[in-house]
Amino acid sequence: MLRLDLKKILLKLSVGAVFLLGGFLIFTGLCYASASDNVHGWAWSDNIGWISFNCTEGGPSQSNICGTSTYGVTISTSTHVFSGNAWSDNIGWISFDVTAGECPDHANCTPTINPANGQVSGWAKAVNLIGDDYGWIKLRDTLYGLSVDLNTGRFSDYAWGGGTTTSTAVIGWISSSGTGYYIWTNPLVFNNSPYVENTNITGPNNNDLCNNTANYFLNWTFRDIDIGAYENTYELRLTNTGTGSSGTSSPGPYLPNQFEDGDDQSQGVLIGTSESLSLTPLRVRYGQTYSWEVRVQDNDGLWSSWTSGPGFTVPINYPECGFTMSPTKPKIGDEINFQDTSTSDPGSYSVESYFWDFGDSTAASTQNATHTYSEVSPRTVTHTIHFDSGTKSCSTSTTFNVRPGQPEYIEVIPR
């Protein structure tokens, strides 16, 4: 075991007053951390003894001393970088506020946790020993390094403090966990925010527009790089950009693991003459322009930011194509009347031209038509209407059997 060289430490003190009390060096001075910091617990060094990471349990029997000495260490939930101060009764403040290029390696200095594997890298510094290598604490090297269990937030393994050999070390090995002690943080610190990508729109198709059953599908991909993460729910905000009306909808909680990282999702939106932007089924109105955005929530309750999808303009309402025929069970030689019954709602396209395909290589281009069949056969008649300067059309068909005509007979006078 290495002995603590108190004379060497005293010569290197640069801040604070020093008191020797009960065999420990007590430093007075300012600490710039906050009592709300998210790293907790204790580490141990055979050379310098206990190191406290948060004033909320920094006193005897892990009592709260934040009223007289406020300090703590924080891990950023966005960058996973350490900041703030820990405390040693023997050497004073241990700072995690290390900037790039400041440490002895002049590279990879900032203390950071890799959220993919929990490995801690970078440096910390004992403020009162920083005159040379003795005050620097390296958190990871080739043969050692601190790690954090991403599921529990508990630290493990060692860091090395001061000097290049054990004979010159002041701080020496620092253990982050052992019998009755450990450093820990809330595992939600490592919960990366979910996010949305690949927003796109599909639909509507022409047949559905003709049948007044059209809809859009607003599509996106759920992403969350955390191990075991899955989607809890999402919120979709739909806005009529012309009127400014807007609504937000949500499907409610999903089953666990129903949607995981990389899974595609869709929200259907009906098209009609009325509008519903928040209550399902969602509905948009003919001839209106809309924008939309979506955000997702992971199983830990963390929301993504809002991500916009491509806007869209709903087409004008299509006319509905229809016709009747009489007789409905024609025979060879019957004149069949085909009557157009197509309709157009107010504000929809107007029908500009008509076309009939009688299924026997003959056709007509009038609104109503007549036709006679000369053969017994199943026939399919298709009626098509054209609109929007002939660029759009809708069709409907019916199939029937042409039956034989009445048999001819000759009246015979009985003899």
Protein backbone atom coordinates (compact mmCIF):
# COMPACT_ATOMS: atom_id res chain seq x y z
CA MET A 1 0.00 0.00 0.00
CA LEU A 2 1.25 3.46 -0.86
CA ARG A 3 1.52 6.10 1.84
CA LEU A 4 0.05 9.53 1.38
CA ASP A 5 2.86 12.11 1.17
CA LEU A 6 1.24 14.95 3.13
CA LYS A 7 4.28 17.19 2.80
CA LYS A 8 4.16 16.93 -0.99
CA ILE A 9 0.44 17.65 -1.02
CA LEU A 10 0.77 20.65 1.25
CA LEU A 11 3.44 22.16 -0.99
CA LYS A 12 1.16 21.87 -3.98
CA LEU A 13 -2.01 23.39 -2.53
CA SER A 14 -3.14 26.31 -4.62
CA VAL A 15 -6.59 27.20 -3.32
CA GLY A 16 -8.51 27.15 -0.04
CA ALA A 17 -7.42 27.03 3.54
CA VAL A 18 -6.30 23.78 5.14
CA PHE A 19 -7.19 22.36 8.52
CA LEU A 20 -6.00 19.11 10.00
CA LEU A 21 -8.84 17.51 11.90
CA GLY A 22 -8.94 13.94 13.15
CA GLY A 23 -6.21 12.84 10.76
CA PHE A 24 -7.90 14.31 7.66
CA LEU A 25 -7.11 17.40 5.64
CA ILE A 26 -10.16 19.66 5.49
CA PHE A 27 -10.29 22.25 2.69
CA THR A 28 -12.42 25.34 2.72
CA GLY A 29 -13.31 27.14 -0.47
CA LEU A 30 -15.94 27.46 -3.14
CA CYS A 31 -17.47 24.63 -5.16
CA TYR A 32 -19.42 25.41 -8.27
CA ALA A 33 -21.53 22.26 -8.64
CA SER A 34 -25.20 21.88 -7.78
CA ALA A 35 -27.01 19.77 -5.21
CA SER A 36 -29.25 18.53 -8.01
CA ASP A 37 -26.40 16.74 -9.80
CA ASN A 38 -27.20 13.21 -10.97
CA VAL A 39 -24.08 11.23 -9.94
CA HIS A 40 -24.18 9.75 -6.45
CA GLY A 41 -22.22 7.52 -4.10
CA TRP A 42 -18.59 7.04 -3.11
CA ALA A 43 -15.30 5.83 -4.57
CA TRP A 44 -12.28 4.56 -2.65
CA SER A 45 -8.54 5.05 -2.98
CA ASP A 46 -6.03 3.28 -0.72
CA ASN A 47 -3.96 6.47 -0.83
CA ILE A 48 -6.50 9.22 -0.22
CA GLY A 49 -9.50 7.37 1.19
CA TRP A 50 -13.13 8.13 0.38
CA ILE A 51 -14.26 10.33 -2.51
CA SER A 52 -17.82 11.67 -2.36
CA PHE A 53 -19.66 12.50 -5.58
CA ASN A 54 -22.69 14.32 -4.20
CA CYS A 55 -23.29 16.46 -1.12
CA THR A 56 -26.70 14.84 -0.62
CA GLU A 57 -24.92 11.86 0.95
CA GLY A 58 -21.50 13.44 1.65
CA GLY A 59 -21.66 13.59 5.45
CA PRO A 60 -21.25 11.02 8.22
CA SER A 61 -23.45 7.97 7.64
CA GLN A 62 -24.09 9.37 4.15
CA SER A 63 -26.00 12.35 5.54
CA ASN A 64 -26.92 15.42 3.50
CA ILE A 65 -24.40 18.26 3.92
CA CYS A 66 -25.55 20.43 1.02
CA GLY A 67 -26.54 23.17 3.44
CA THR A 68 -22.88 23.80 4.35
CA SER A 69 -20.99 22.42 1.34
CA THR A 70 -22.78 22.25 -1.97
CA TYR A 71 -21.11 20.05 -4.58
CA GLY A 72 -21.82 17.23 -7.01
CA VAL A 73 -21.07 15.68 -10.37
CA THR A 74 -23.44 15.71 -13.34
CA ILE A 75 -23.65 13.63 -16.51
CA SER A 76 -25.33 15.52 -19.36
CA THR A 77 -28.36 13.63 -20.66
CA SER A 78 -27.72 14.96 -24.19
CA THR A 79 -23.90 14.76 -24.57
CA HIS A 80 -23.10 12.29 -21.71
CA VAL A 81 -20.22 14.56 -20.66
CA PHE A 82 -19.30 14.88 -16.96
CA SER A 83 -19.12 18.21 -15.14
CA GLY A 84 -18.95 19.45 -11.56
CA ASN A 85 -16.89 18.40 -8.56
CA ALA A 86 -16.36 15.45 -6.25
CA TRP A 87 -14.80 15.83 -2.77
CA SER A 88 -11.97 14.14 -0.91
CA ASP A 89 -11.30 15.03 2.75
CA ASN A 90 -7.60 14.54 2.02
CA ILE A 91 -6.99 16.36 -1.25
CA GLY A 92 -10.07 18.54 -1.71
CA TRP A 93 -12.00 19.15 -4.91
CA ILE A 94 -11.78 16.70 -7.79
CA SER A 95 -13.05 18.52 -10.86
CA PHE A 96 -14.67 16.94 -13.92
CA ASP A 97 -14.68 20.25 -15.79
CA VAL A 98 -11.84 19.29 -18.13
CA THR A 99 -11.68 20.88 -21.55
CA ALA A 100 -10.28 19.51 -24.81
CA GLY A 101 -6.46 19.55 -24.91
CA GLU A 102 -6.09 20.41 -21.22
CA CYS A 103 -5.01 16.98 -19.93
CA PRO A 104 -1.51 15.42 -20.08
CA ASP A 105 -2.43 13.47 -23.23
CA HIS A 106 -3.64 16.72 -24.87
CA ALA A 107 -6.39 14.64 -26.55
CA ASN A 108 -9.59 12.90 -25.46
CA CYS A 109 -9.51 14.97 -22.27
CA THR A 110 -13.24 15.60 -21.68
CA PRO A 111 -14.73 13.00 -19.30
CA THR A 112 -17.49 11.24 -21.23
CA ILE A 113 -19.61 8.09 -21.19
CA ASN A 114 -20.17 6.15 -24.40
CA PRO A 115 -23.96 5.53 -24.35
CA ALA A 116 -23.56 2.50 -26.61
CA ASN A 117 -21.38 0.45 -24.22
CA GLY A 118 -21.14 2.41 -20.94
CA GLN A 119 -17.37 2.93 -21.12
CA VAL A 120 -16.05 6.07 -19.42
CA SER A 121 -13.14 7.94 -21.00
CA GLY A 122 -11.28 11.22 -20.47
CA TRP A 123 -9.79 12.81 -17.35
CA ALA A 124 -10.62 14.43 -14.02
CA LYS A 125 -8.29 16.63 -11.96
CA ALA A 126 -7.55 17.17 -8.29
CA VAL A 127 -7.65 20.97 -8.25
CA ASN A 128 -5.12 21.41 -5.44
CA LEU A 129 -2.55 19.06 -6.99
CA ILE A 130 -2.68 20.19 -10.57
CA GLY A 131 0.85 21.65 -10.69
CA ASP A 132 2.09 18.50 -12.42
CA ASP A 133 0.96 14.95 -13.22
CA TYR A 134 0.10 14.15 -9.59
CA GLY A 135 -3.33 15.78 -9.79
CA TRP A 136 -4.57 14.22 -13.00
CA ILE A 137 -6.91 11.23 -12.87
CA LYS A 138 -7.20 9.16 -16.04
CA LEU A 139 -10.56 7.44 -16.34
CA ARG A 140 -9.60 4.90 -19.02
CA ASP A 141 -6.47 3.47 -20.57
CA THR A 142 -5.55 0.26 -22.36
CA LEU A 143 -5.58 -2.00 -19.28
CA TYR A 144 -8.15 -0.26 -17.05
CA GLY A 145 -11.11 2.04 -17.16
CA LEU A 146 -14.39 2.95 -15.49
CA SER A 147 -17.62 1.55 -16.91
CA VAL A 148 -21.31 2.08 -16.20
CA ASP A 149 -24.06 -0.52 -16.40
CA LEU A 150 -26.55 1.18 -18.74
CA ASN A 151 -29.47 -0.70 -17.18
CA THR A 152 -28.74 0.01 -13.50
CA GLY A 153 -26.53 3.12 -13.69
CA ARG A 154 -23.94 1.49 -11.40
CA PHE A 155 -20.21 2.16 -11.98
CA SER A 156 -17.51 -0.51 -11.87
CA ASP A 157 -13.71 -0.90 -12.25
CA TYR A 158 -10.87 1.56 -11.71
CA ALA A 159 -9.38 4.92 -12.63
CA TRP A 160 -5.72 5.92 -12.07
CA GLY A 161 -4.62 9.14 -10.41
CA GLY A 162 -1.26 10.92 -10.34
CA GLY A 163 2.16 10.15 -11.74
CA THR A 164 3.29 7.53 -14.19
CA THR A 165 4.41 4.90 -11.67
CA THR A 166 3.11 3.65 -8.37
CA SER A 167 6.17 5.03 -6.59
CA THR A 168 5.28 8.62 -7.52
CA ALA A 169 1.51 8.32 -7.28
CA VAL A 170 -0.30 10.52 -4.80
CA ILE A 171 -3.87 9.43 -5.59
CA GLY A 172 -3.19 5.99 -7.08
CA TRP A 173 -5.93 3.55 -8.00
CA ILE A 174 -9.50 4.73 -7.51
CA SER A 175 -12.11 1.99 -7.18
CA SER A 176 -15.67 2.89 -8.24
CA SER A 177 -17.32 -0.03 -6.43
CA GLY A 178 -16.59 -2.49 -3.67
CA THR A 179 -18.05 -3.98 -0.53
CA GLY A 180 -20.63 -1.53 0.79
CA TYR A 181 -19.95 1.31 -1.68
CA TYR A 182 -20.25 2.29 -5.33
CA ILE A 183 -20.81 5.25 -7.65
CA TRP A 184 -24.17 5.33 -9.41
CA THR A 185 -26.44 7.47 -11.56
CA ASN A 186 -29.98 7.28 -12.88
CA PRO A 187 -29.93 4.95 -15.91
CA LEU A 188 -32.30 7.35 -17.69
CA VAL A 189 -29.19 9.50 -18.18
CA PHE A 190 -28.33 7.09 -20.98
CA ASN A 191 -31.77 7.06 -22.51
CA ASN A 192 -31.19 8.53 -25.95
CA SER A 193 -34.17 10.39 -27.29
CA PRO A 194 -36.15 8.51 -29.93
CA TYR A 195 -36.48 10.18 -33.28
CA VAL A 196 -38.40 10.02 -36.54
CA GLU A 197 -37.06 9.62 -40.05
CA ASN A 198 -38.27 8.72 -43.57
CA THR A 199 -41.47 10.76 -43.46
CA ASN A 200 -43.46 10.34 -46.68
CA ILE A 201 -46.99 10.12 -48.08
CA THR A 202 -48.72 7.45 -50.16
CA GLY A 203 -52.11 7.63 -51.89
CA PRO A 204 -54.67 8.34 -52.95
CA ASN A 205 -55.16 6.15 -56.04
CA ASN A 206 -57.46 7.07 -58.89
CA ASN A 207 -59.99 4.27 -58.38
CA ASP A 208 -60.58 5.27 -54.78
CA LEU A 209 -61.02 8.89 -55.78
CA CYS A 210 -63.60 7.80 -58.34
CA ASN A 211 -65.46 5.75 -55.73
CA ASN A 212 -65.26 8.42 -53.00
CA THR A 213 -63.34 6.01 -50.77
CA ALA A 214 -59.89 7.62 -51.13
CA ASN A 215 -57.38 8.13 -48.34
CA TYR A 216 -53.81 9.14 -47.67
CA PHE A 217 -51.25 7.28 -45.62
CA LEU A 218 -48.82 9.42 -43.62
CA ASN A 219 -45.71 7.28 -43.12
CA TRP A 220 -42.55 7.42 -40.99
CA THR A 221 -39.92 5.23 -39.32
CA PHE A 222 -39.49 4.94 -35.53
CA ARG A 223 -35.86 5.15 -34.42
CA ASP A 224 -34.29 4.62 -30.97
CA ILE A 225 -30.71 3.37 -30.61
CA ASP A 226 -31.07 2.35 -26.96
CA ILE A 227 -30.82 -1.38 -26.35
CA GLY A 228 -34.27 -2.88 -25.79
CA ALA A 229 -36.09 0.37 -26.58
CA TYR A 230 -39.51 0.29 -28.18
CA GLU A 231 -42.23 2.79 -29.00
CA ASN A 232 -44.91 3.54 -26.44
CA THR A 233 -47.05 5.86 -28.58
CA TYR A 234 -46.93 8.76 -31.02
CA GLU A 235 -48.68 12.06 -31.61
CA LEU A 236 -49.59 13.37 -35.06
CA ARG A 237 -50.45 17.02 -35.68
CA LEU A 238 -52.43 17.80 -38.85
CA THR A 239 -52.98 21.39 -40.00
CA ASN A 240 -55.14 22.94 -42.72
CA THR A 241 -52.70 25.56 -44.00
CA GLY A 242 -55.48 27.56 -45.65
CA THR A 243 -57.76 27.96 -42.65
CA GLY A 244 -55.14 27.50 -39.91
CA SER A 245 -57.24 24.86 -38.15
CA SER A 246 -55.15 22.15 -36.50
CA GLY A 247 -55.57 19.02 -34.43
CA THR A 248 -53.40 16.43 -32.66
CA SER A 249 -54.22 12.74 -32.47
CA SER A 250 -52.65 9.77 -30.69
CA PRO A 251 -53.40 6.04 -30.86
CA GLY A 252 -52.73 5.43 -27.17
CA PRO A 253 -50.10 3.03 -25.75
CA TYR A 254 -48.88 0.19 -27.93
CA LEU A 255 -48.08 -3.30 -26.77
CA PRO A 256 -44.45 -3.74 -25.62
CA ASN A 257 -42.07 -4.29 -28.54
CA GLN A 258 -44.84 -3.80 -31.11
CA PHE A 259 -42.73 -1.11 -32.76
CA GLU A 260 -38.96 -1.19 -32.28
CA ASP A 261 -36.02 0.70 -33.76
CA GLY A 262 -36.30 0.82 -37.56
CA ASP A 263 -39.98 -0.19 -37.76
CA ASP A 264 -42.19 1.65 -40.25
CA GLN A 265 -45.51 3.17 -39.24
CA SER A 266 -48.52 4.71 -41.01
CA GLN A 267 -51.53 6.80 -40.11
CA GLY A 268 -54.46 6.63 -42.50
CA VAL A 269 -56.34 9.84 -43.32
CA LEU A 270 -59.68 9.68 -45.14
CA ILE A 271 -60.74 12.16 -47.82
CA GLY A 272 -64.23 13.62 -47.78
CA THR A 273 -66.43 16.68 -47.77
CA SER A 274 -65.89 17.24 -44.02
CA GLU A 275 -62.76 17.61 -41.89
CA SER A 276 -61.59 15.92 -38.67
CA LEU A 277 -58.03 16.75 -37.62
CA SER A 278 -57.91 15.32 -34.10
CA LEU A 279 -60.58 12.65 -33.72
CA THR A 280 -60.10 9.34 -35.48
CA PRO A 281 -60.80 8.50 -38.16
CA LEU A 282 -58.85 11.51 -39.35
CA ARG A 283 -60.38 13.18 -42.38
CA VAL A 284 -59.24 15.92 -44.78
CA ARG A 285 -61.39 17.93 -47.16
CA TYR A 286 -61.40 17.97 -50.95
CA GLY A 287 -59.43 20.85 -52.47
CA GLN A 288 -57.64 21.81 -49.21
CA THR A 289 -53.89 21.93 -48.48
CA TYR A 290 -52.42 20.36 -45.34
CA SER A 291 -49.17 20.07 -43.42
CA TRP A 292 -48.36 17.44 -40.81
CA GLU A 293 -45.75 16.54 -38.20
CA VAL A 294 -45.22 13.62 -35.89
CA ARG A 295 -43.35 12.83 -32.67
CA VAL A 296 -42.78 9.48 -30.95
CA GLN A 297 -42.40 8.39 -27.32
CA ASP A 298 -40.19 5.53 -26.15
CA ASN A 299 -40.89 3.00 -23.40
CA ASP A 300 -39.15 5.22 -20.83
CA GLY A 301 -41.54 8.09 -21.55
CA LEU A 302 -39.04 10.22 -23.49
CA TRP A 303 -40.47 12.13 -26.47
CA SER A 304 -38.73 12.89 -29.72
CA SER A 305 -38.84 16.34 -31.25
CA TRP A 306 -41.57 17.09 -33.80
CA THR A 307 -40.62 16.01 -37.32
CA SER A 308 -42.45 17.42 -40.34
CA GLY A 309 -43.63 15.30 -43.24
CA PRO A 310 -44.24 16.53 -46.80
CA GLY A 311 -47.33 18.69 -47.21
CA PHE A 312 -50.10 17.73 -49.62
CA THR A 313 -53.08 19.21 -51.46
CA VAL A 314 -56.23 17.10 -51.63
CA PRO A 315 -57.67 16.87 -55.17
CA ILE A 316 -61.03 18.35 -56.03
CA ASN A 317 -63.86 15.87 -55.60
CA TYR A 318 -64.22 13.52 -58.57
CA PRO A 319 -67.64 12.96 -60.16
CA GLU A 320 -69.09 9.53 -59.49
CA CYS A 321 -69.56 7.42 -62.60
CA GLY A 322 -72.70 5.30 -62.92
CA PHE A 323 -75.28 3.96 -65.39
CA THR A 324 -78.36 1.77 -65.69
CA MET A 325 -79.41 -0.63 -68.45
CA SER A 326 -82.79 -1.86 -69.62
CA PRO A 327 -83.66 -4.64 -70.05
CA THR A 328 -81.32 -6.07 -67.43
CA LYS A 329 -81.52 -9.60 -68.90
CA PRO A 330 -81.32 -8.95 -72.63
CA LYS A 331 -81.78 -11.49 -75.41
CA ILE A 332 -80.26 -11.59 -78.86
CA GLY A 333 -81.76 -8.79 -80.89
CA ASP A 334 -83.06 -6.75 -77.94
CA GLU A 335 -82.35 -3.04 -78.06
CA ILE A 336 -80.66 -2.26 -74.76
CA ASN A 337 -80.87 1.27 -73.37
CA PHE A 338 -77.81 2.42 -71.40
CA GLN A 339 -78.57 5.48 -69.29
CA ASP A 340 -75.79 7.59 -67.73
CA THR A 341 -76.42 8.33 -64.00
CA SER A 342 -73.09 9.99 -63.17
CA THR A 343 -73.23 12.73 -60.51
CA SER A 344 -71.07 15.67 -59.48
CA ASP A 345 -71.17 17.29 -56.06
CA PRO A 346 -70.95 21.08 -55.75
CA GLY A 347 -67.31 22.12 -56.12
CA SER A 348 -66.29 18.90 -57.83
CA TYR A 349 -65.14 18.40 -61.40
CA SER A 350 -67.80 18.51 -64.12
CA VAL A 351 -68.11 15.68 -66.62
CA GLU A 352 -66.86 16.79 -70.05
CA SER A 353 -67.25 13.68 -72.23
CA TYR A 354 -68.53 10.09 -72.16
CA PHE A 355 -67.45 6.78 -73.59
CA TRP A 356 -69.14 3.34 -73.80
CA ASP A 357 -67.34 0.06 -74.46
CA PHE A 358 -69.93 -2.65 -75.20
CA GLY A 359 -67.49 -5.56 -74.97
CA ASP A 360 -67.96 -6.73 -78.55
CA SER A 361 -65.46 -4.39 -80.26
CA THR A 362 -68.06 -1.65 -80.61
CA ALA A 363 -68.31 1.64 -78.71
CA ALA A 364 -70.19 4.92 -78.39
CA SER A 365 -69.26 8.42 -77.21
CA THR A 366 -72.65 9.86 -76.27
CA GLN A 367 -73.97 10.43 -72.75
CA ASN A 368 -76.64 7.75 -73.24
CA ALA A 369 -76.51 4.90 -75.73
CA THR A 370 -78.37 1.92 -77.19
CA HIS A 371 -76.93 -1.35 -78.37
CA THR A 372 -78.04 -4.75 -79.73
CA TYR A 373 -76.17 -8.03 -79.45
CA SER A 374 -76.32 -10.76 -82.11
CA GLU A 375 -74.63 -13.59 -80.25
CA VAL A 376 -75.26 -15.51 -77.06
CA SER A 377 -72.34 -14.64 -74.82
CA PRO A 378 -71.34 -13.04 -71.51
CA ARG A 379 -70.74 -9.33 -72.10
CA THR A 380 -69.06 -6.61 -70.01
CA VAL A 381 -70.07 -3.03 -70.61
CA THR A 382 -67.76 -0.27 -69.35
CA HIS A 383 -68.90 3.32 -69.01
CA THR A 384 -66.20 6.05 -68.72
CA ILE A 385 -66.53 9.74 -67.95
CA HIS A 386 -63.75 12.28 -68.63
CA PHE A 387 -63.11 15.57 -66.82
CA ASP A 388 -60.41 18.15 -65.91
CA SER A 389 -59.74 18.94 -69.57
CA GLY A 390 -59.69 15.27 -70.40
CA THR A 391 -56.75 14.49 -68.10
CA LYS A 392 -58.78 12.47 -65.60
CA SER A 393 -61.42 9.78 -65.91
CA CYS A 394 -63.56 7.37 -63.90
CA SER A 395 -65.14 4.16 -65.07
CA THR A 396 -67.66 1.58 -63.94
CA SER A 397 -68.61 -1.78 -65.45
CA THR A 398 -71.28 -4.44 -65.38
CA THR A 399 -71.28 -7.99 -66.75
CA PHE A 400 -74.36 -9.89 -67.96
CA ASN A 401 -75.32 -12.79 -70.20
CA VAL A 402 -76.98 -12.23 -73.59
CA ARG A 403 -79.65 -14.94 -73.82
CA PRO A 404 -81.07 -16.72 -76.88
CA GLY A 405 -84.08 -15.12 -78.48
CA GLN A 406 -87.58 -16.74 -78.65
CA PRO A 407 -87.60 -19.82 -80.93
CA GLU A 408 -89.34 -19.40 -84.27
CA TYR A 409 -92.40 -21.58 -84.89
CA ILE A 410 -94.73 -22.41 -87.79
CA GLU A 411 -98.42 -22.84 -87.28
CA VAL A 412 -99.54 -26.23 -88.58
CA ILE A 413 -103.21 -26.92 -89.25
CA PRO A 414 -104.14 -30.33 -87.95
CA ARG A 415 -105.54 -32.76 -90.45
